[in-house]
């Protein structure tokens, strides 16, 4: 996005997100020289922020402690696996699987994070391990389709088949390929 597009989006939404702010900063830092239009857009942004027309959203001030605990457990488990496997499980996939099945543990301070870590260690460690192990197992057991079958399953606008029934058939094949026996 350009500075002008970001400013227009912020004016439309009424707020400037941290990612929008970071993108404006990245553009400004990487540019050798800004254009007149970019300076005008920045001026408009500053004016809108000062008048309250746009509100700057605060940077996230909370965290899900469970993410840290799951990633730590998944990393440990993946190190213990036989590295000779063709398809080593992806840390992100395993962590996402486990996190989707575990309760979030949010904290807004160091003390809160410490409390949530202690709570999880005392009450949820076995469940965390179980979900991480299940995520690894699911990743390893997932069917790996040959490239030509993946092409057939593509549901893009330029699919080889057309019509409602063909789409249903494609979805059916896709779901069967991922279903466990």
C-alpha atoms as a PDB file:
ATOM      1  CA  UNK A   1       0.000   0.000   0.000  1.00  0.00           C
ATOM      2  CA  UNK A   2       1.059   3.557  -0.564  1.00  0.00           C
ATOM      3  CA  UNK A   3       0.994   6.291   2.076  1.00  0.00           C
ATOM      4  CA  UNK A   4      -1.948   7.869   0.274  1.00  0.00           C
ATOM      5  CA  UNK A   5      -3.898   4.563   0.325  1.00  0.00           C
ATOM      6  CA  UNK A   6      -3.153   4.031   4.011  1.00  0.00           C
ATOM      7  CA  UNK A   7      -4.312   7.560   4.885  1.00  0.00           C
ATOM      8  CA  UNK A   8      -7.494   7.122   2.830  1.00  0.00           C
ATOM      9  CA  UNK A   9      -8.206   3.804   4.563  1.00  0.00           C
ATOM     10  CA  UNK A  10      -7.591   5.357   7.991  1.00  0.00           C
ATOM     11  CA  UNK A  11      -9.907   8.264   7.179  1.00  0.00           C
ATOM     12  CA  UNK A  12     -12.581   5.857   5.993  1.00  0.00           C
ATOM     13  CA  UNK A  13     -12.255   3.586   9.045  1.00  0.00           C
ATOM     14  CA  UNK A  14     -11.695   6.349  11.578  1.00  0.00           C
ATOM     15  CA  UNK A  15      -8.623   4.669  13.036  1.00  0.00           C
ATOM     16  CA  UNK A  16      -4.987   3.940  12.285  1.00  0.00           C
ATOM     17  CA  UNK A  17      -3.926   0.393  13.151  1.00  0.00           C
ATOM     18  CA  UNK A  18      -0.423  -0.449  14.393  1.00  0.00           C
ATOM     19  CA  UNK A  19       0.247  -2.307  11.125  1.00  0.00           C
ATOM     20  CA  UNK A  20      -0.826   0.741   9.083  1.00  0.00           C
ATOM     21  CA  UNK A  21       1.430   2.926  11.201  1.00  0.00           C
ATOM     22  CA  UNK A  22       4.324   0.484  10.741  1.00  0.00           C
ATOM     23  CA  UNK A  23       3.803   0.432   6.965  1.00  0.00           C
ATOM     24  CA  UNK A  24       3.896   4.244   6.807  1.00  0.00           C
ATOM     25  CA  UNK A  25       7.119   4.144   8.840  1.00  0.00           C
ATOM     26  CA  UNK A  26       8.620   1.487   6.571  1.00  0.00           C
ATOM     27  CA  UNK A  27       7.788   3.514   3.456  1.00  0.00           C
ATOM     28  CA  UNK A  28       9.251   6.688   4.959  1.00  0.00           C
ATOM     29  CA  UNK A  29      12.442   4.944   6.085  1.00  0.00           C
ATOM     30  CA  UNK A  30      13.028   3.142   2.791  1.00  0.00           C
ATOM     31  CA  UNK A  31      12.312   6.112   0.514  1.00  0.00           C
ATOM     32  CA  UNK A  32      15.214   8.252  -0.551  1.00  0.00           C
ATOM     33  CA  UNK A  33      12.849  11.147  -1.008  1.00  0.00           C
ATOM     34  CA  UNK A  34       9.093  11.397  -0.587  1.00  0.00           C
ATOM     35  CA  UNK A  35       6.929  12.936  -3.281  1.00  0.00           C
ATOM     36  CA  UNK A  36       4.815  16.036  -2.747  1.00  0.00           C
ATOM     37  CA  UNK A  37       1.698  13.832  -2.706  1.00  0.00           C
ATOM     38  CA  UNK A  38       3.206  11.631   0.008  1.00  0.00           C
ATOM     39  CA  UNK A  39       4.069  14.676   2.131  1.00  0.00           C
ATOM     40  CA  UNK A  40       0.528  15.970   1.650  1.00  0.00           C
ATOM     41  CA  UNK A  41      -0.923  12.589   2.694  1.00  0.00           C
ATOM     42  CA  UNK A  42       1.292  12.549   5.808  1.00  0.00           C
ATOM     43  CA  UNK A  43       0.202  16.098   6.619  1.00  0.00           C
ATOM     44  CA  UNK A  44      -3.450  15.078   6.241  1.00  0.00           C
ATOM     45  CA  UNK A  45      -2.839  12.071   8.498  1.00  0.00           C
ATOM     46  CA  UNK A  46      -1.190  14.188  11.198  1.00  0.00           C
ATOM     47  CA  UNK A  47      -4.008  16.738  11.052  1.00  0.00           C
ATOM     48  CA  UNK A  48      -6.665  14.018  11.328  1.00  0.00           C
ATOM     49  CA  UNK A  49      -4.857  12.453  14.290  1.00  0.00           C
ATOM     50  CA  UNK A  50      -4.563  15.833  16.055  1.00  0.00           C
ATOM     51  CA  UNK A  51      -8.244  16.706  15.538  1.00  0.00           C
ATOM     52  CA  UNK A  52      -9.457  13.258  16.559  1.00  0.00           C
ATOM     53  CA  UNK A  53     -10.883  12.488  13.128  1.00  0.00           C
ATOM     54  CA  UNK A  54      -8.639   9.414  13.204  1.00  0.00           C
ATOM     55  CA  UNK A  55      -7.793   7.508  16.374  1.00  0.00           C
ATOM     56  CA  UNK A  56      -4.493   5.683  16.647  1.00  0.00           C
ATOM     57  CA  UNK A  57      -5.150   2.165  17.924  1.00  0.00           C
ATOM     58  CA  UNK A  58      -2.774   1.128  20.679  1.00  0.00           C
ATOM     59  CA  UNK A  59      -0.239  -1.590  20.078  1.00  0.00           C
ATOM     60  CA  UNK A  60      -1.357  -4.959  21.438  1.00  0.00           C
ATOM     61  CA  UNK A  61      -0.835  -4.947  25.173  1.00  0.00           C
ATOM     62  CA  UNK A  62      -1.805  -8.518  25.894  1.00  0.00           C
ATOM     63  CA  UNK A  63      -0.501 -11.940  25.055  1.00  0.00           C
ATOM     64  CA  UNK A  64      -1.720 -15.501  24.977  1.00  0.00           C
ATOM     65  CA  UNK A  65       0.731 -17.342  27.236  1.00  0.00           C
ATOM     66  CA  UNK A  66      -0.539 -20.627  25.805  1.00  0.00           C
ATOM     67  CA  UNK A  67       1.226 -19.806  22.502  1.00  0.00           C
ATOM     68  CA  UNK A  68       4.599 -19.712  24.251  1.00  0.00           C
ATOM     69  CA  UNK A  69       3.928 -22.951  26.123  1.00  0.00           C
ATOM     70  CA  UNK A  70       2.701 -24.826  23.048  1.00  0.00           C
ATOM     71  CA  UNK A  71       5.623 -23.668  20.880  1.00  0.00           C
ATOM     72  CA  UNK A  72       8.088 -24.704  23.580  1.00  0.00           C
ATOM     73  CA  UNK A  73       6.471 -28.152  23.879  1.00  0.00           C
ATOM     74  CA  UNK A  74       6.199 -28.619  20.106  1.00  0.00           C
ATOM     75  CA  UNK A  75       9.843 -27.630  19.618  1.00  0.00           C
ATOM     76  CA  UNK A  76      10.937 -30.156  22.246  1.00  0.00           C
ATOM     77  CA  UNK A  77       8.814 -32.923  20.721  1.00  0.00           C
ATOM     78  CA  UNK A  78       9.966 -32.209  17.182  1.00  0.00           C
ATOM     79  CA  UNK A  79      13.627 -32.352  18.269  1.00  0.00           C
ATOM     80  CA  UNK A  80      12.981 -35.841  19.647  1.00  0.00           C
ATOM     81  CA  UNK A  81      11.589 -37.110  16.321  1.00  0.00           C
ATOM     82  CA  UNK A  82      13.638 -39.113  13.893  1.00  0.00           C
ATOM     83  CA  UNK A  83      14.981 -36.492  11.485  1.00  0.00           C
ATOM     84  CA  UNK A  84      15.269 -39.074   8.740  1.00  0.00           C
ATOM     85  CA  UNK A  85      11.539 -38.821   7.995  1.00  0.00           C
ATOM     86  CA  UNK A  86      10.709 -37.492   4.552  1.00  0.00           C
ATOM     87  CA  UNK A  87       8.178 -35.038   5.884  1.00  0.00           C
ATOM     88  CA  UNK A  88       9.257 -33.446   9.142  1.00  0.00           C
ATOM     89  CA  UNK A  89       6.207 -31.831  10.778  1.00  0.00           C
ATOM     90  CA  UNK A  90       5.975 -28.068  10.476  1.00  0.00           C
ATOM     91  CA  UNK A  91       6.228 -26.300  13.842  1.00  0.00           C
ATOM     92  CA  UNK A  92       3.557 -23.767  12.884  1.00  0.00           C
ATOM     93  CA  UNK A  93       1.093 -26.448  11.772  1.00  0.00           C
ATOM     94  CA  UNK A  94       1.599 -28.485  14.943  1.00  0.00           C
ATOM     95  CA  UNK A  95       1.290 -25.416  17.192  1.00  0.00           C
ATOM     96  CA  UNK A  96      -1.848 -24.179  15.396  1.00  0.00           C
ATOM     97  CA  UNK A  97      -3.459 -27.621  15.735  1.00  0.00           C
ATOM     98  CA  UNK A  98      -2.772 -27.705  19.470  1.00  0.00           C
ATOM     99  CA  UNK A  99      -3.728 -24.055  20.105  1.00  0.00           C
ATOM    100  CA  UNK A 100      -7.088 -24.577  18.403  1.00  0.00           C
ATOM    101  CA  UNK A 101      -7.850 -27.273  20.971  1.00  0.00           C
ATOM    102  CA  UNK A 102      -6.541 -25.566  24.106  1.00  0.00           C
ATOM    103  CA  UNK A 103      -7.962 -22.733  26.180  1.00  0.00           C
ATOM    104  CA  UNK A 104      -6.298 -19.340  25.674  1.00  0.00           C
ATOM    105  CA  UNK A 105      -4.441 -17.883  28.657  1.00  0.00           C
ATOM    106  CA  UNK A 106      -4.213 -14.131  28.141  1.00  0.00           C
ATOM    107  CA  UNK A 107      -2.145 -11.794  30.261  1.00  0.00           C
ATOM    108  CA  UNK A 108      -1.527  -8.044  30.198  1.00  0.00           C
ATOM    109  CA  UNK A 109       1.512  -7.814  32.469  1.00  0.00           C
ATOM    110  CA  UNK A 110       4.644  -9.753  33.430  1.00  0.00           C
ATOM    111  CA  UNK A 111       2.978 -10.738  36.681  1.00  0.00           C
ATOM    112  CA  UNK A 112      -0.122 -11.916  34.859  1.00  0.00           C
ATOM    113  CA  UNK A 113       1.952 -13.889  32.374  1.00  0.00           C
ATOM    114  CA  UNK A 114       3.885 -15.517  35.221  1.00  0.00           C
ATOM    115  CA  UNK A 115       0.597 -16.431  36.930  1.00  0.00           C
ATOM    116  CA  UNK A 116      -0.833 -17.920  33.714  1.00  0.00           C
ATOM    117  CA  UNK A 117       2.391 -19.895  33.063  1.00  0.00           C
ATOM    118  CA  UNK A 118       2.279 -21.332  36.571  1.00  0.00           C
ATOM    119  CA  UNK A 119      -1.412 -22.155  36.209  1.00  0.00           C
ATOM    120  CA  UNK A 120      -0.823 -23.904  32.881  1.00  0.00           C
ATOM    121  CA  UNK A 121       2.165 -25.821  34.250  1.00  0.00           C
ATOM    122  CA  UNK A 122       0.152 -27.008  37.252  1.00  0.00           C
ATOM    123  CA  UNK A 123      -3.184 -27.683  35.543  1.00  0.00           C
ATOM    124  CA  UNK A 124      -2.763 -28.004  31.777  1.00  0.00           C
ATOM    125  CA  UNK A 125       0.687 -29.425  31.031  1.00  0.00           C
ATOM    126  CA  UNK A 126      -0.608 -32.928  30.273  1.00  0.00           C
ATOM    127  CA  UNK A 127      -3.314 -31.517  27.994  1.00  0.00           C
ATOM    128  CA  UNK A 128      -0.739 -29.336  26.194  1.00  0.00           C
ATOM    129  CA  UNK A 129       1.513 -32.366  25.633  1.00  0.00           C
ATOM    130  CA  UNK A 130      -1.430 -34.454  24.452  1.00  0.00           C
ATOM    131  CA  UNK A 131      -2.566 -31.857  21.901  1.00  0.00           C
ATOM    132  CA  UNK A 132       0.970 -31.275  20.597  1.00  0.00           C
ATOM    133  CA  UNK A 133       1.504 -35.038  20.190  1.00  0.00           C
ATOM    134  CA  UNK A 134      -1.847 -35.331  18.396  1.00  0.00           C
ATOM    135  CA  UNK A 135      -0.862 -32.447  16.107  1.00  0.00           C
ATOM    136  CA  UNK A 136       2.394 -34.191  15.215  1.00  0.00           C
ATOM    137  CA  UNK A 137       0.579 -37.482  14.648  1.00  0.00           C
ATOM    138  CA  UNK A 138      -2.015 -35.842  12.400  1.00  0.00           C
ATOM    139  CA  UNK A 139       0.690 -34.063  10.421  1.00  0.00           C
ATOM    140  CA  UNK A 140       2.643 -37.269   9.853  1.00  0.00           C
ATOM    141  CA  UNK A 141      -0.458 -39.312   8.957  1.00  0.00           C
ATOM    142  CA  UNK A 142      -1.983 -36.758   6.596  1.00  0.00           C
ATOM    143  CA  UNK A 143      -2.283 -37.965   3.041  1.00  0.00           C
ATOM    144  CA  UNK A 144       0.236 -36.521   0.676  1.00  0.00           C
ATOM    145  CA  UNK A 145      -1.385 -36.217  -2.712  1.00  0.00           C
ATOM    146  CA  UNK A 146       0.603 -36.500  -5.924  1.00  0.00           C
ATOM    147  CA  UNK A 147       1.001 -33.176  -7.709  1.00  0.00           C
ATOM    148  CA  UNK A 148      -1.422 -34.121 -10.507  1.00  0.00           C
ATOM    149  CA  UNK A 149      -4.159 -34.880  -7.942  1.00  0.00           C
ATOM    150  CA  UNK A 150      -3.613 -31.512  -6.287  1.00  0.00           C
ATOM    151  CA  UNK A 151      -4.151 -29.844  -9.652  1.00  0.00           C
ATOM    152  CA  UNK A 152      -7.450 -31.686 -10.021  1.00  0.00           C
ATOM    153  CA  UNK A 153      -8.555 -30.517  -6.587  1.00  0.00           C
ATOM    154  CA  UNK A 154      -7.831 -26.859  -7.314  1.00  0.00           C
ATOM    155  CA  UNK A 155     -10.991 -24.859  -6.868  1.00  0.00           C
ATOM    156  CA  UNK A 156      -9.910 -21.736  -8.714  1.00  0.00           C
ATOM    157  CA  UNK A 157     -12.011 -19.886 -11.245  1.00  0.00           C
ATOM    158  CA  UNK A 158     -10.176 -21.692 -14.033  1.00  0.00           C
ATOM    159  CA  UNK A 159     -11.031 -25.168 -12.775  1.00  0.00           C
ATOM    160  CA  UNK A 160     -11.229 -27.931 -15.336  1.00  0.00           C
ATOM    161  CA  UNK A 161     -14.833 -28.617 -14.386  1.00  0.00           C
ATOM    162  CA  UNK A 162     -17.772 -26.282 -14.161  1.00  0.00           C
ATOM    163  CA  UNK A 163     -21.164 -26.244 -12.556  1.00  0.00           C
ATOM    164  CA  UNK A 164     -22.544 -26.873  -9.106  1.00  0.00           C
ATOM    165  CA  UNK A 165     -22.337 -30.685  -9.223  1.00  0.00           C
ATOM    166  CA  UNK A 166     -18.719 -30.639 -10.344  1.00  0.00           C
ATOM    167  CA  UNK A 167     -17.814 -28.318  -7.485  1.00  0.00           C
ATOM    168  CA  UNK A 168     -19.546 -30.644  -5.029  1.00  0.00           C
ATOM    169  CA  UNK A 169     -17.642 -33.600  -6.512  1.00  0.00           C
ATOM    170  CA  UNK A 170     -14.336 -31.748  -6.148  1.00  0.00           C
ATOM    171  CA  UNK A 171     -15.117 -30.883  -2.535  1.00  0.00           C
ATOM    172  CA  UNK A 172     -16.097 -34.507  -1.903  1.00  0.00           C
ATOM    173  CA  UNK A 173     -12.762 -35.774  -3.291  1.00  0.00           C
ATOM    174  CA  UNK A 174     -10.861 -33.192  -1.275  1.00  0.00           C
ATOM    175  CA  UNK A 175     -12.616 -34.098   1.969  1.00  0.00           C
ATOM    176  CA  UNK A 176     -12.165 -37.840   1.361  1.00  0.00           C
ATOM    177  CA  UNK A 177      -8.462 -37.360   0.716  1.00  0.00           C
ATOM    178  CA  UNK A 178      -8.044 -35.696   4.117  1.00  0.00           C
ATOM    179  CA  UNK A 179     -10.443 -37.942   6.063  1.00  0.00           C
ATOM    180  CA  UNK A 180      -8.848 -40.443   8.397  1.00  0.00           C
ATOM    181  CA  UNK A 181      -9.572 -44.114   7.842  1.00  0.00           C
END
